[in-house]
């Protein structure tokens, strides 16, 4: 399935830099007019899909939060472990402070 949109790329990158767990949940409500093999989108279709997405999002949150609390979800907390390759002994104190 293709999803159009890149609106969360910067958030994902910043979360990685801050070693924060981050995930995108993409919930599709309709096909835009560009998709020739699908019927015309109606408000009723969008609302119906939106309601299904709410149920799915709640289930995802309910199942995911316990994993995060137990530290089993990912290794984001150590994402930058090898990001800095400069010998710490030569990094100026002011740079470390900043």
PDB file of N, CA and C in Angstrom:
ATOM      1  N   UNK A   1       0.842  -1.166   0.000  1.00  0.00           N
ATOM      2  CA  UNK A   1       0.000   0.000   0.000  1.00  0.00           C
ATOM      3  C   UNK A   1       0.893   1.236   0.000  1.00  0.00           C
ATOM      4  N   UNK A   2       0.558   2.215  -0.787  1.00  0.00           N
ATOM      5  CA  UNK A   2       1.286   3.471  -0.836  1.00  0.00           C
ATOM      6  C   UNK A   2       0.553   4.518  -0.011  1.00  0.00           C
ATOM      7  N   UNK A   3       1.305   5.295   0.735  1.00  0.00           N
ATOM      8  CA  UNK A   3       0.734   6.390   1.503  1.00  0.00           C
ATOM      9  C   UNK A   3       1.419   7.665   1.049  1.00  0.00           C
ATOM     10  N   UNK A   4       0.612   8.653   0.714  1.00  0.00           N
ATOM     11  CA  UNK A   4       1.156   9.934   0.275  1.00  0.00           C
ATOM     12  C   UNK A   4       1.328  10.823   1.497  1.00  0.00           C
ATOM     13  N   UNK A   5       2.503  11.356   1.664  1.00  0.00           N
ATOM     14  CA  UNK A   5       2.737  12.293   2.755  1.00  0.00           C
ATOM     15  C   UNK A   5       4.104  12.092   3.377  1.00  0.00           C
ATOM     16  N   UNK A   6       4.736  13.190   3.725  1.00  0.00           N
ATOM     17  CA  UNK A   6       6.044  13.140   4.377  1.00  0.00           C
ATOM     18  C   UNK A   6       6.045  14.088   5.561  1.00  0.00           C
ATOM     19  N   UNK A   7       4.891  14.362   6.110  1.00  0.00           N
ATOM     20  CA  UNK A   7       4.783  15.410   7.115  1.00  0.00           C
ATOM     21  C   UNK A   7       5.465  15.071   8.421  1.00  0.00           C
ATOM     22  N   UNK A   8       5.749  13.818   8.697  1.00  0.00           N
ATOM     23  CA  UNK A   8       6.354  13.488   9.987  1.00  0.00           C
ATOM     24  C   UNK A   8       7.836  13.124   9.891  1.00  0.00           C
ATOM     25  N   UNK A   9       8.441  13.314   8.764  1.00  0.00           N
ATOM     26  CA  UNK A   9       9.852  12.956   8.618  1.00  0.00           C
ATOM     27  C   UNK A   9      10.727  13.759   9.568  1.00  0.00           C
ATOM     28  N   UNK A  10      10.482  15.051   9.670  1.00  0.00           N
ATOM     29  CA  UNK A  10      11.317  15.865  10.552  1.00  0.00           C
ATOM     30  C   UNK A  10      11.120  15.485  12.015  1.00  0.00           C
ATOM     31  N   UNK A  11       9.890  15.150  12.412  1.00  0.00           N
ATOM     32  CA  UNK A  11       9.644  14.721  13.784  1.00  0.00           C
ATOM     33  C   UNK A  11      10.368  13.416  14.089  1.00  0.00           C
ATOM     34  N   UNK A  12      10.336  12.486  13.162  1.00  0.00           N
ATOM     35  CA  UNK A  12      11.016  11.202  13.365  1.00  0.00           C
ATOM     36  C   UNK A  12      12.523  11.407  13.505  1.00  0.00           C
ATOM     37  N   UNK A  13      13.063  12.266  12.694  1.00  0.00           N
ATOM     38  CA  UNK A  13      14.505  12.528  12.760  1.00  0.00           C
ATOM     39  C   UNK A  13      14.890  13.197  14.087  1.00  0.00           C
ATOM     40  N   UNK A  14      14.102  14.157  14.529  1.00  0.00           N
ATOM     41  CA  UNK A  14      14.378  14.832  15.795  1.00  0.00           C
ATOM     42  C   UNK A  14      14.217  13.879  16.976  1.00  0.00           C
ATOM     43  N   UNK A  15      13.225  13.003  16.908  1.00  0.00           N
ATOM     44  CA  UNK A  15      13.033  12.029  17.985  1.00  0.00           C
ATOM     45  C   UNK A  15      14.230  11.091  18.077  1.00  0.00           C
ATOM     46  N   UNK A  16      14.752  10.672  16.949  1.00  0.00           N
ATOM     47  CA  UNK A  16      15.930   9.803  16.949  1.00  0.00           C
ATOM     48  C   UNK A  16      17.125  10.533  17.562  1.00  0.00           C
ATOM     49  N   UNK A  17      17.294  11.781  17.190  1.00  0.00           N
ATOM     50  CA  UNK A  17      18.399  12.570  17.723  1.00  0.00           C
ATOM     51  C   UNK A  17      18.273  12.744  19.239  1.00  0.00           C
ATOM     52  N   UNK A  18      17.040  12.840  19.733  1.00  0.00           N
ATOM     53  CA  UNK A  18      16.811  12.996  21.168  1.00  0.00           C
ATOM     54  C   UNK A  18      16.691  11.648  21.881  1.00  0.00           C
ATOM     55  N   UNK A  19      16.875  10.581  21.134  1.00  0.00           N
ATOM     56  CA  UNK A  19      16.772   9.218  21.663  1.00  0.00           C
ATOM     57  C   UNK A  19      15.404   8.967  22.308  1.00  0.00           C
ATOM     58  N   UNK A  20      14.367   9.448  21.633  1.00  0.00           N
ATOM     59  CA  UNK A  20      12.991   9.281  22.088  1.00  0.00           C
ATOM     60  C   UNK A  20      12.315   8.246  21.192  1.00  0.00           C
ATOM     61  N   UNK A  21      11.571   7.351  21.786  1.00  0.00           N
ATOM     62  CA  UNK A  21      10.808   6.382  21.003  1.00  0.00           C
ATOM     63  C   UNK A  21       9.780   7.133  20.168  1.00  0.00           C
ATOM     64  N   UNK A  22       9.641   6.761  18.914  1.00  0.00           N
ATOM     65  CA  UNK A  22       8.737   7.454  18.011  1.00  0.00           C
ATOM     66  C   UNK A  22       8.257   6.465  16.962  1.00  0.00           C
ATOM     67  N   UNK A  23       7.005   6.524  16.668  1.00  0.00           N
ATOM     68  CA  UNK A  23       6.448   5.679  15.626  1.00  0.00           C
ATOM     69  C   UNK A  23       5.326   6.436  14.928  1.00  0.00           C
ATOM     70  N   UNK A  24       5.164   6.176  13.679  1.00  0.00           N
ATOM     71  CA  UNK A  24       4.068   6.761  12.917  1.00  0.00           C
ATOM     72  C   UNK A  24       2.951   5.739  12.805  1.00  0.00           C
ATOM     73  N   UNK A  25       1.743   6.176  13.066  1.00  0.00           N
ATOM     74  CA  UNK A  25       0.574   5.354  12.815  1.00  0.00           C
ATOM     75  C   UNK A  25      -0.190   6.066  11.709  1.00  0.00           C
ATOM     76  N   UNK A  26      -0.173   5.492  10.527  1.00  0.00           N
ATOM     77  CA  UNK A  26      -0.845   6.095   9.386  1.00  0.00           C
ATOM     78  C   UNK A  26      -2.218   5.458   9.231  1.00  0.00           C
ATOM     79  N   UNK A  27      -3.229   6.267   9.351  1.00  0.00           N
ATOM     80  CA  UNK A  27      -4.602   5.789   9.264  1.00  0.00           C
ATOM     81  C   UNK A  27      -5.254   6.355   8.006  1.00  0.00           C
ATOM     82  N   UNK A  28      -5.595   5.495   7.103  1.00  0.00           N
ATOM     83  CA  UNK A  28      -6.154   5.910   5.817  1.00  0.00           C
ATOM     84  C   UNK A  28      -7.660   6.088   5.938  1.00  0.00           C
ATOM     85  N   UNK A  29      -8.145   7.208   5.447  1.00  0.00           N
ATOM     86  CA  UNK A  29      -9.593   7.441   5.463  1.00  0.00           C
ATOM     87  C   UNK A  29     -10.212   7.339   4.072  1.00  0.00           C
ATOM     88  N   UNK A  30      -9.431   7.610   3.019  1.00  0.00           N
ATOM     89  CA  UNK A  30     -10.009   7.561   1.673  1.00  0.00           C
ATOM     90  C   UNK A  30      -8.909   7.593   0.621  1.00  0.00           C
ATOM     91  N   UNK A  31      -9.301   7.233  -0.585  1.00  0.00           N
ATOM     92  CA  UNK A  31      -8.427   7.394  -1.737  1.00  0.00           C
ATOM     93  C   UNK A  31      -8.766   8.726  -2.377  1.00  0.00           C
ATOM     94  N   UNK A  32      -7.762   9.480  -2.712  1.00  0.00           N
ATOM     95  CA  UNK A  32      -8.014  10.744  -3.382  1.00  0.00           C
ATOM     96  C   UNK A  32      -8.443  10.502  -4.820  1.00  0.00           C
ATOM     97  N   UNK A  33      -8.770  11.569  -5.491  1.00  0.00           N
ATOM     98  CA  UNK A  33      -9.279  11.488  -6.863  1.00  0.00           C
ATOM     99  C   UNK A  33      -8.267  10.922  -7.849  1.00  0.00           C
ATOM    100  N   UNK A  34      -7.000  10.845  -7.464  1.00  0.00           N
ATOM    101  CA  UNK A  34      -5.967  10.353  -8.363  1.00  0.00           C
ATOM    102  C   UNK A  34      -6.078   8.857  -8.623  1.00  0.00           C
ATOM    103  N   UNK A  35      -6.799   8.127  -7.779  1.00  0.00           N
ATOM    104  CA  UNK A  35      -6.827   6.666  -7.885  1.00  0.00           C
ATOM    105  C   UNK A  35      -7.994   6.234  -8.785  1.00  0.00           C
ATOM    106  N   UNK A  36      -7.725   5.911 -10.048  1.00  0.00           N
ATOM    107  CA  UNK A  36      -8.790   5.664 -11.024  1.00  0.00           C
ATOM    108  C   UNK A  36      -9.602   4.384 -10.786  1.00  0.00           C
ATOM    109  N   UNK A  37      -9.067   3.428 -10.041  1.00  0.00           N
ATOM    110  CA  UNK A  37      -9.794   2.159  -9.898  1.00  0.00           C
ATOM    111  C   UNK A  37     -10.673   2.101  -8.647  1.00  0.00           C
ATOM    112  N   UNK A  38     -10.827   3.221  -7.954  1.00  0.00           N
ATOM    113  CA  UNK A  38     -11.674   3.245  -6.769  1.00  0.00           C
ATOM    114  C   UNK A  38     -12.849   4.180  -6.979  1.00  0.00           C
ATOM    115  N   UNK A  39     -13.941   3.855  -6.283  1.00  0.00           N
ATOM    116  CA  UNK A  39     -15.148   4.657  -6.428  1.00  0.00           C
ATOM    117  C   UNK A  39     -14.947   6.073  -5.884  1.00  0.00           C
ATOM    118  N   UNK A  40     -15.878   6.939  -6.221  1.00  0.00           N
ATOM    119  CA  UNK A  40     -15.841   8.312  -5.742  1.00  0.00           C
ATOM    120  C   UNK A  40     -15.961   8.324  -4.223  1.00  0.00           C
ATOM    121  N   UNK A  41     -15.187   9.157  -3.592  1.00  0.00           N
ATOM    122  CA  UNK A  41     -15.174   9.243  -2.131  1.00  0.00           C
ATOM    123  C   UNK A  41     -16.365  10.071  -1.656  1.00  0.00           C
ATOM    124  N   UNK A  42     -17.024   9.557  -0.613  1.00  0.00           N
ATOM    125  CA  UNK A  42     -18.129  10.296   0.002  1.00  0.00           C
ATOM    126  C   UNK A  42     -17.771  10.611   1.449  1.00  0.00           C
ATOM    127  N   UNK A  43     -18.471  11.558   2.021  1.00  0.00           N
ATOM    128  CA  UNK A  43     -18.256  11.907   3.416  1.00  0.00           C
ATOM    129  C   UNK A  43     -18.559  10.702   4.299  1.00  0.00           C
ATOM    130  N   UNK A  44     -19.594   9.963   3.963  1.00  0.00           N
ATOM    131  CA  UNK A  44     -19.958   8.779   4.752  1.00  0.00           C
ATOM    132  C   UNK A  44     -18.833   7.751   4.765  1.00  0.00           C
ATOM    133  N   UNK A  45     -18.180   7.547   3.622  1.00  0.00           N
ATOM    134  CA  UNK A  45     -17.049   6.617   3.554  1.00  0.00           C
ATOM    135  C   UNK A  45     -15.908   7.086   4.452  1.00  0.00           C
ATOM    136  N   UNK A  46     -15.618   8.359   4.392  1.00  0.00           N
ATOM    137  CA  UNK A  46     -14.526   8.909   5.194  1.00  0.00           C
ATOM    138  C   UNK A  46     -14.825   8.747   6.682  1.00  0.00           C
ATOM    139  N   UNK A  47     -16.030   9.105   7.110  1.00  0.00           N
ATOM    140  CA  UNK A  47     -16.407   9.007   8.527  1.00  0.00           C
ATOM    141  C   UNK A  47     -16.387   7.549   8.987  1.00  0.00           C
ATOM    142  N   UNK A  48     -16.868   6.647   8.162  1.00  0.00           N
ATOM    143  CA  UNK A  48     -16.859   5.224   8.507  1.00  0.00           C
ATOM    144  C   UNK A  48     -15.421   4.724   8.704  1.00  0.00           C
ATOM    145  N   UNK A  49     -14.558   5.059   7.775  1.00  0.00           N
ATOM    146  CA  UNK A  49     -13.150   4.659   7.898  1.00  0.00           C
ATOM    147  C   UNK A  49     -12.474   5.348   9.081  1.00  0.00           C
ATOM    148  N   UNK A  50     -12.822   6.591   9.323  1.00  0.00           N
ATOM    149  CA  UNK A  50     -12.263   7.317  10.457  1.00  0.00           C
ATOM    150  C   UNK A  50     -12.635   6.623  11.769  1.00  0.00           C
ATOM    151  N   UNK A  51     -13.882   6.210  11.896  1.00  0.00           N
ATOM    152  CA  UNK A  51     -14.322   5.507  13.108  1.00  0.00           C
ATOM    153  C   UNK A  51     -13.592   4.173  13.280  1.00  0.00           C
ATOM    154  N   UNK A  52     -13.369   3.455  12.191  1.00  0.00           N
ATOM    155  CA  UNK A  52     -12.603   2.203  12.257  1.00  0.00           C
ATOM    156  C   UNK A  52     -11.160   2.497  12.692  1.00  0.00           C
ATOM    157  N   UNK A  53     -10.612   3.591  12.186  1.00  0.00           N
ATOM    158  CA  UNK A  53      -9.248   3.969  12.545  1.00  0.00           C
ATOM    159  C   UNK A  53      -9.122   4.301  14.026  1.00  0.00           C
ATOM    160  N   UNK A  54     -10.141   4.912  14.595  1.00  0.00           N
ATOM    161  CA  UNK A  54     -10.120   5.226  16.022  1.00  0.00           C
ATOM    162  C   UNK A  54     -10.042   3.944  16.839  1.00  0.00           C
ATOM    163  N   UNK A  55     -10.847   2.957  16.471  1.00  0.00           N
ATOM    164  CA  UNK A  55     -10.825   1.661  17.169  1.00  0.00           C
ATOM    165  C   UNK A  55      -9.438   1.030  17.055  1.00  0.00           C
ATOM    166  N   UNK A  56      -8.886   1.036  15.860  1.00  0.00           N
ATOM    167  CA  UNK A  56      -7.551   0.459  15.650  1.00  0.00           C
ATOM    168  C   UNK A  56      -6.474   1.220  16.416  1.00  0.00           C
ATOM    169  N   UNK A  57      -6.539   2.535  16.420  1.00  0.00           N
ATOM    170  CA  UNK A  57      -5.539   3.341  17.127  1.00  0.00           C
ATOM    171  C   UNK A  57      -5.590   3.062  18.625  1.00  0.00           C
ATOM    172  N   UNK A  58      -6.782   2.951  19.182  1.00  0.00           N
ATOM    173  CA  UNK A  58      -6.908   2.644  20.613  1.00  0.00           C
ATOM    174  C   UNK A  58      -6.313   1.277  20.929  1.00  0.00           C
ATOM    175  N   UNK A  59      -6.530   0.312  20.047  1.00  0.00           N
ATOM    176  CA  UNK A  59      -5.980  -1.029  20.256  1.00  0.00           C
ATOM    177  C   UNK A  59      -4.455  -0.994  20.190  1.00  0.00           C
ATOM    178  N   UNK A  60      -3.925  -0.267  19.231  1.00  0.00           N
ATOM    179  CA  UNK A  60      -2.469  -0.149  19.083  1.00  0.00           C
ATOM    180  C   UNK A  60      -1.862   0.482  20.332  1.00  0.00           C
ATOM    181  N   UNK A  61      -2.466   1.553  20.813  1.00  0.00           N
ATOM    182  CA  UNK A  61      -1.955   2.229  22.016  1.00  0.00           C
ATOM    183  C   UNK A  61      -2.023   1.298  23.219  1.00  0.00           C
ATOM    184  N   UNK A  62      -3.134   0.618  23.377  1.00  0.00           N
ATOM    185  CA  UNK A  62      -3.318  -0.284  24.519  1.00  0.00           C
ATOM    186  C   UNK A  62      -2.273  -1.400  24.530  1.00  0.00           C
ATOM    187  N   UNK A  63      -1.934  -1.915  23.367  1.00  0.00           N
ATOM    188  CA  UNK A  63      -0.960  -3.001  23.288  1.00  0.00           C
ATOM    189  C   UNK A  63       0.490  -2.514  23.322  1.00  0.00           C
ATOM    190  N   UNK A  64       0.732  -1.282  22.916  1.00  0.00           N
ATOM    191  CA  UNK A  64       2.089  -0.773  22.811  1.00  0.00           C
ATOM    192  C   UNK A  64       2.622  -0.179  24.106  1.00  0.00           C
ATOM    193  N   UNK A  65       1.814   0.555  24.817  1.00  0.00           N
ATOM    194  CA  UNK A  65       2.282   1.226  26.038  1.00  0.00           C
ATOM    195  C   UNK A  65       2.910   0.264  27.035  1.00  0.00           C
ATOM    196  N   UNK A  66       2.325  -0.890  27.308  1.00  0.00           N
ATOM    197  CA  UNK A  66       2.994  -1.811  28.241  1.00  0.00           C
ATOM    198  C   UNK A  66       4.378  -2.252  27.772  1.00  0.00           C
ATOM    199  N   UNK A  67       4.583  -2.350  26.482  1.00  0.00           N
ATOM    200  CA  UNK A  67       5.892  -2.724  25.963  1.00  0.00           C
ATOM    201  C   UNK A  67       6.916  -1.628  26.210  1.00  0.00           C
ATOM    202  N   UNK A  68       6.494  -0.387  26.025  1.00  0.00           N
ATOM    203  CA  UNK A  68       7.393   0.740  26.248  1.00  0.00           C
ATOM    204  C   UNK A  68       7.760   0.817  27.726  1.00  0.00           C
ATOM    205  N   UNK A  69       6.779   0.649  28.590  1.00  0.00           N
ATOM    206  CA  UNK A  69       7.023   0.720  30.027  1.00  0.00           C
ATOM    207  C   UNK A  69       8.017  -0.343  30.479  1.00  0.00           C
ATOM    208  N   UNK A  70       7.988  -1.491  29.842  1.00  0.00           N
ATOM    209  CA  UNK A  70       8.883  -2.578  30.216  1.00  0.00           C
ATOM    210  C   UNK A  70      10.224  -2.493  29.486  1.00  0.00           C
ATOM    211  N   UNK A  71      10.380  -1.513  28.600  1.00  0.00           N
ATOM    212  CA  UNK A  71      11.628  -1.355  27.877  1.00  0.00           C
ATOM    213  C   UNK A  71      11.822  -2.375  26.768  1.00  0.00           C
ATOM    214  N   UNK A  72      10.731  -2.965  26.287  1.00  0.00           N
ATOM    215  CA  UNK A  72      10.839  -4.009  25.274  1.00  0.00           C
ATOM    216  C   UNK A  72      10.558  -3.507  23.865  1.00  0.00           C
ATOM    217  N   UNK A  73      10.098  -2.302  23.732  1.00  0.00           N
ATOM    218  CA  UNK A  73       9.622  -1.835  22.432  1.00  0.00           C
ATOM    219  C   UNK A  73      10.743  -1.582  21.430  1.00  0.00           C
ATOM    220  N   UNK A  74      11.833  -0.957  21.881  1.00  0.00           N
ATOM    221  CA  UNK A  74      12.881  -0.607  20.927  1.00  0.00           C
ATOM    222  C   UNK A  74      14.168  -0.236  21.660  1.00  0.00           C
ATOM    223  N   UNK A  75      15.136   0.146  20.874  1.00  0.00           N
ATOM    224  CA  UNK A  75      16.415   0.552  21.457  1.00  0.00           C
ATOM    225  C   UNK A  75      16.701   2.029  21.184  1.00  0.00           C
ATOM    226  N   UNK A  76      15.656   2.834  21.099  1.00  0.00           N
ATOM    227  CA  UNK A  76      15.825   4.262  20.809  1.00  0.00           C
ATOM    228  C   UNK A  76      16.704   4.963  21.827  1.00  0.00           C
ATOM    229  N   UNK A  77      16.626   4.522  23.069  1.00  0.00           N
ATOM    230  CA  UNK A  77      17.395   5.172  24.130  1.00  0.00           C
ATOM    231  C   UNK A  77      18.901   5.100  23.892  1.00  0.00           C
ATOM    232  N   UNK A  78      19.341   4.239  23.023  1.00  0.00           N
ATOM    233  CA  UNK A  78      20.765   4.136  22.727  1.00  0.00           C
ATOM    234  C   UNK A  78      21.086   4.432  21.271  1.00  0.00           C
ATOM    235  N   UNK A  79      20.205   5.159  20.607  1.00  0.00           N
ATOM    236  CA  UNK A  79      20.366   5.399  19.172  1.00  0.00           C
ATOM    237  C   UNK A  79      21.650   6.139  18.819  1.00  0.00           C
ATOM    238  N   UNK A  80      22.128   6.961  19.724  1.00  0.00           N
ATOM    239  CA  UNK A  80      23.318   7.764  19.426  1.00  0.00           C
ATOM    240  C   UNK A  80      24.591   7.206  20.041  1.00  0.00           C
ATOM    241  N   UNK A  81      24.513   5.984  20.504  1.00  0.00           N
ATOM    242  CA  UNK A  81      25.641   5.376  21.196  1.00  0.00           C
ATOM    243  C   UNK A  81      26.952   5.503  20.409  1.00  0.00           C
ATOM    244  N   UNK A  82      26.886   5.321  19.114  1.00  0.00           N
ATOM    245  CA  UNK A  82      28.087   5.382  18.283  1.00  0.00           C
ATOM    246  C   UNK A  82      28.050   6.561  17.302  1.00  0.00           C
ATOM    247  N   UNK A  83      27.203   7.551  17.577  1.00  0.00           N
ATOM    248  CA  UNK A  83      27.044   8.677  16.656  1.00  0.00           C
ATOM    249  C   UNK A  83      28.233   9.631  16.690  1.00  0.00           C
ATOM    250  N   UNK A  84      28.869   9.772  17.845  1.00  0.00           N
ATOM    251  CA  UNK A  84      30.015  10.674  17.964  1.00  0.00           C
ATOM    252  C   UNK A  84      31.278   9.824  17.988  1.00  0.00           C
ATOM    253  N   UNK A  85      32.121  10.026  17.001  1.00  0.00           N
ATOM    254  CA  UNK A  85      33.332   9.217  16.906  1.00  0.00           C
ATOM    255  C   UNK A  85      34.582   9.979  17.347  1.00  0.00           C
ATOM    256  N   UNK A  86      34.409  11.263  17.694  1.00  0.00           N
ATOM    257  CA  UNK A  86      35.536  12.058  18.172  1.00  0.00           C
ATOM    258  C   UNK A  86      35.948  11.572  19.554  1.00  0.00           C
ATOM    259  N   UNK A  87      37.231  11.481  19.773  1.00  0.00           N
ATOM    260  CA  UNK A  87      37.741  11.088  21.079  1.00  0.00           C
ATOM    261  C   UNK A  87      37.265  12.110  22.111  1.00  0.00           C
ATOM    262  N   UNK A  88      36.526  11.679  23.141  1.00  0.00           N
ATOM    263  CA  UNK A  88      35.988  12.617  24.143  1.00  0.00           C
ATOM    264  C   UNK A  88      37.059  13.457  24.824  1.00  0.00           C
ATOM    265  N   UNK A  89      38.287  12.971  24.872  1.00  0.00           N
ATOM    266  CA  UNK A  89      39.367  13.702  25.543  1.00  0.00           C
ATOM    267  C   UNK A  89      39.738  14.995  24.818  1.00  0.00           C
ATOM    268  N   UNK A  90      39.447  15.078  23.517  1.00  0.00           N
ATOM    269  CA  UNK A  90      39.828  16.281  22.769  1.00  0.00           C
ATOM    270  C   UNK A  90      38.655  17.234  22.525  1.00  0.00           C
ATOM    271  N   UNK A  91      37.478  16.889  23.031  1.00  0.00           N
ATOM    272  CA  UNK A  91      36.316  17.771  22.885  1.00  0.00           C
ATOM    273  C   UNK A  91      36.399  18.842  23.975  1.00  0.00           C
ATOM    274  N   UNK A  92      36.391  20.122  23.593  1.00  0.00           N
ATOM    275  CA  UNK A  92      36.493  21.206  24.576  1.00  0.00           C
ATOM    276  C   UNK A  92      35.348  21.156  25.595  1.00  0.00           C
ATOM    277  N   UNK A  93      35.628  21.581  26.813  1.00  0.00           N
ATOM    278  CA  UNK A  93      34.637  21.558  27.891  1.00  0.00           C
ATOM    279  C   UNK A  93      33.402  22.373  27.524  1.00  0.00           C
ATOM    280  N   UNK A  94      33.578  23.509  26.870  1.00  0.00           N
ATOM    281  CA  UNK A  94      32.437  24.353  26.471  1.00  0.00           C
ATOM    282  C   UNK A  94      31.531  23.616  25.488  1.00  0.00           C
ATOM    283  N   UNK A  95      32.120  22.872  24.578  1.00  0.00           N
ATOM    284  CA  UNK A  95      31.347  22.093  23.618  1.00  0.00           C
ATOM    285  C   UNK A  95      30.545  21.018  24.343  1.00  0.00           C
ATOM    286  N   UNK A  96      31.172  20.342  25.287  1.00  0.00           N
ATOM    287  CA  UNK A  96      30.468  19.325  26.071  1.00  0.00           C
ATOM    288  C   UNK A  96      29.301  19.937  26.835  1.00  0.00           C
ATOM    289  N   UNK A  97      29.534  21.125  27.400  1.00  0.00           N
ATOM    290  CA  UNK A  97      28.507  21.802  28.185  1.00  0.00           C
ATOM    291  C   UNK A  97      27.301  22.130  27.293  1.00  0.00           C
ATOM    292  N   UNK A  98      27.592  22.640  26.096  1.00  0.00           N
ATOM    293  CA  UNK A  98      26.521  23.010  25.176  1.00  0.00           C
ATOM    294  C   UNK A  98      25.735  21.783  24.772  1.00  0.00           C
TER     295      UNK A  98
END
